[in-house]
């Protein structure tokens, strides 16, 4: 009997989850929590603009209130490094934002994993198929979400560039997300643009970084509140 892989209908999500990524300060994590975010992202990739140290991540986590999930973001990091960082910070949720393979995801079965997939019109469909196949063959039941990220940015997320929602919409209509875990929309989202994405894609969650910043790595409480409010309003339509 094939393994049970948790999936989430993209047509019947009643409450869109919200992740505020690129949190670099304890006060920004607190602002995200106050606004009603479900998760925060901590970037552990050394060359990323919003990279933080283990010590800074620990400071942020120490001030994080309950029921807000911390997610550690890595880009093509060695598996042992990922395990050690997660163990040090006592975090169970990982976001892999590089070219990590299904086999590498399989090595992280002790964690809840989210994998980024780039929305390139030339490769998006085959990549979705590849991950659907790998989930079945390798029993990747701990792969609980796929982040639809902007393609060809030269930077692993947080660029502020809008995603190719037309391509995403096309593959959604073809049923290419069936058999995948939770679909998370990302890429240039703002309080002004997120409603259209919620209506068109009906993702399980949305992931924002640049769109709620006042400057690089500094989140705006007002923009976070506006973003969360826009998502909640869009759910009602």
Foldseek 3Di string as FASTA:
>chain_A
DWADAAADDLVDQLAAAEEAELAQALVVLVLLVVLPHQEYEAECEVPALSHDDLVSVLVNVVSHDPRYAYEYEDEPDDLVVVVVSCVSSVHQHYEYQYDDDLVSLLVSLSHQYEYEDELDLVCRLVVLVVVLVSCRVSVNNSDAEYEYEHPDPVHRDPPLAAHPVVSLLVCVVVVSCPSPHFYEYEYNDFLVPVLVCCVRRSGNYYYYYNRQAPDRSHGDSVRSNSNSVSSNVSSVD
